[in-house]
Amino acid sequence: MKSFGRDKKFGGRPSFGKPRFGAGSHDRPEMHKATCSKCGKPCEVPFRPNGSKPVLCRDCFRSEGGGASGGFERKSFDKPRFPVRLPDPRPAMDEMIKINAKLDKILKILEPEVK
């Protein structure tokens, strides 16, 4: 019988003794020295810059609209980010009026005659 996902090499239970980020750090990822592409100040970033994308310091990153003031911003699903355009209800209302008139005729035919 196969051991579905129980192999230590591929998944299994997390080891609580090993660091998640960087050398020995449990709280923050390893920081790397870089230079801000916008203002030119030296800064530290939580990833290894490879030159393929611009690197922004904390201040420039926030001024560009990145990051939230209190950490991670939680997305709200209450309001859509784009205006919702509902279809015009008038054609459907016209059809409903016609259907109701036909149903009234059917019900009138099915009613027993009162003598």
Protein backbone atom coordinates (compact mmCIF):
# COMPACT_ATOMS: atom_id res chain seq x y z
CA MET A 1 0.00 0.00 0.00
CA LYS A 2 1.28 3.46 -0.89
CA SER A 3 2.00 6.07 1.77
CA PHE A 4 0.01 8.97 0.38
CA GLY A 5 1.85 12.10 1.47
CA ARG A 6 3.42 10.47 4.52
CA ASP A 7 6.94 10.47 3.12
CA LYS A 8 9.23 12.75 5.14
CA LYS A 9 10.87 14.13 1.96
CA PHE A 10 7.63 15.45 0.46
CA GLY A 11 5.48 17.27 2.98
CA GLY A 12 4.45 15.61 6.18
CA ARG A 13 4.32 17.51 9.45
CA PRO A 14 6.20 20.80 9.76
CA SER A 15 9.32 20.79 11.86
CA PHE A 16 8.99 23.37 14.61
CA GLY A 17 12.72 23.44 15.25
CA LYS A 18 13.72 24.67 11.80
CA PRO A 19 13.61 28.39 10.93
CA ARG A 20 11.00 29.44 8.37
CA PHE A 21 12.94 32.41 6.95
CA GLY A 22 16.63 33.15 6.75
CA ALA A 23 19.29 31.93 9.13
CA GLY A 24 17.69 31.27 12.51
CA SER A 25 14.89 33.83 12.21
CA HIS A 26 11.32 32.89 13.11
CA ASP A 27 9.73 36.32 12.80
CA ARG A 28 11.08 38.03 9.70
CA PRO A 29 12.56 36.92 6.40
CA GLU A 30 16.22 37.49 5.71
CA MET A 31 16.83 41.09 4.62
CA HIS A 32 19.10 41.98 1.68
CA LYS A 33 20.90 45.26 1.06
CA ALA A 34 19.79 47.21 -2.03
CA THR A 35 19.54 50.70 -3.47
CA CYS A 36 16.15 52.29 -4.11
CA SER A 37 15.45 52.66 -7.83
CA LYS A 38 13.38 55.80 -7.26
CA CYS A 39 15.27 57.92 -4.70
CA GLY A 40 18.70 56.22 -4.69
CA LYS A 41 18.83 55.67 -0.92
CA PRO A 42 20.33 52.46 0.49
CA CYS A 43 17.67 50.14 1.87
CA GLU A 44 16.98 46.56 2.92
CA VAL A 45 14.38 44.36 1.23
CA PRO A 46 12.97 40.92 2.18
CA PHE A 47 14.02 39.36 -1.14
CA ARG A 48 17.23 38.97 -3.09
CA PRO A 49 17.24 41.66 -5.82
CA ASN A 50 18.27 40.26 -9.20
CA GLY A 51 17.95 43.41 -11.32
CA SER A 52 14.89 42.29 -13.28
CA LYS A 53 12.52 44.57 -11.34
CA PRO A 54 12.97 47.95 -9.67
CA VAL A 55 13.61 47.93 -5.92
CA LEU A 56 11.87 50.56 -3.78
CA CYS A 57 12.74 51.64 -0.26
CA ARG A 58 10.01 51.61 2.38
CA ASP A 59 9.08 55.29 1.86
CA CYS A 60 8.94 55.08 -1.95
CA PHE A 61 7.02 51.80 -1.77
CA ARG A 62 4.36 53.42 0.42
CA SER A 63 4.21 56.57 -1.74
CA GLU A 64 3.59 54.33 -4.77
CA GLY A 65 0.59 52.88 -2.95
CA GLY A 66 2.20 49.62 -1.89
CA GLY A 67 1.59 48.13 1.53
CA ALA A 68 -0.95 49.18 4.12
CA SER A 69 -0.32 51.46 7.07
CA GLY A 70 -0.88 48.68 9.60
CA GLY A 71 0.67 45.72 7.81
CA PHE A 72 -1.33 43.61 5.42
CA GLU A 73 -4.48 45.13 4.01
CA ARG A 74 -7.43 42.81 4.12
CA LYS A 75 -9.47 42.85 0.95
CA SER A 76 -13.13 43.65 1.34
CA PHE A 77 -15.63 41.65 -0.65
CA ASP A 78 -18.48 43.92 0.43
CA LYS A 79 -18.07 46.43 -2.41
CA PRO A 80 -17.02 45.50 -5.93
CA ARG A 81 -14.00 47.37 -7.28
CA PHE A 82 -15.83 48.19 -10.48
CA PRO A 83 -19.34 49.60 -10.98
CA VAL A 84 -21.91 46.86 -11.33
CA ARG A 85 -24.14 47.37 -14.33
CA LEU A 86 -27.31 45.40 -14.15
CA PRO A 87 -29.23 44.64 -17.33
CA ASP A 88 -32.23 46.78 -18.21
CA PRO A 89 -35.22 45.24 -16.37
CA ARG A 90 -37.86 46.68 -18.74
CA PRO A 91 -37.82 43.88 -21.35
CA ALA A 92 -38.09 41.27 -18.60
CA MET A 93 -40.94 43.18 -16.96
CA ASP A 94 -42.84 43.28 -20.28
CA GLU A 95 -42.41 39.51 -20.61
CA MET A 96 -43.58 38.98 -17.03
CA ILE A 97 -46.73 41.03 -17.69
CA LYS A 98 -47.51 38.90 -20.77
CA ILE A 99 -46.92 35.67 -18.81
CA ASN A 100 -49.14 36.85 -15.96
CA ALA A 101 -51.95 37.67 -18.42
CA LYS A 102 -51.69 34.17 -19.94
CA LEU A 103 -51.69 32.55 -16.48
CA ASP A 104 -54.80 34.53 -15.53
CA LYS A 105 -56.57 33.20 -18.65
CA ILE A 106 -55.51 29.61 -17.80
CA LEU A 107 -56.69 29.95 -14.19
CA LYS A 108 -60.01 31.38 -15.34
CA ILE A 109 -60.54 28.40 -17.67
CA LEU A 110 -59.66 25.93 -14.90
CA GLU A 111 -61.99 27.46 -12.29
CA PRO A 112 -65.18 25.50 -11.76
CA GLU A 113 -68.38 27.28 -12.77
CA VAL A 114 -70.52 28.42 -9.89
CA LYS A 115 -74.24 27.57 -10.34
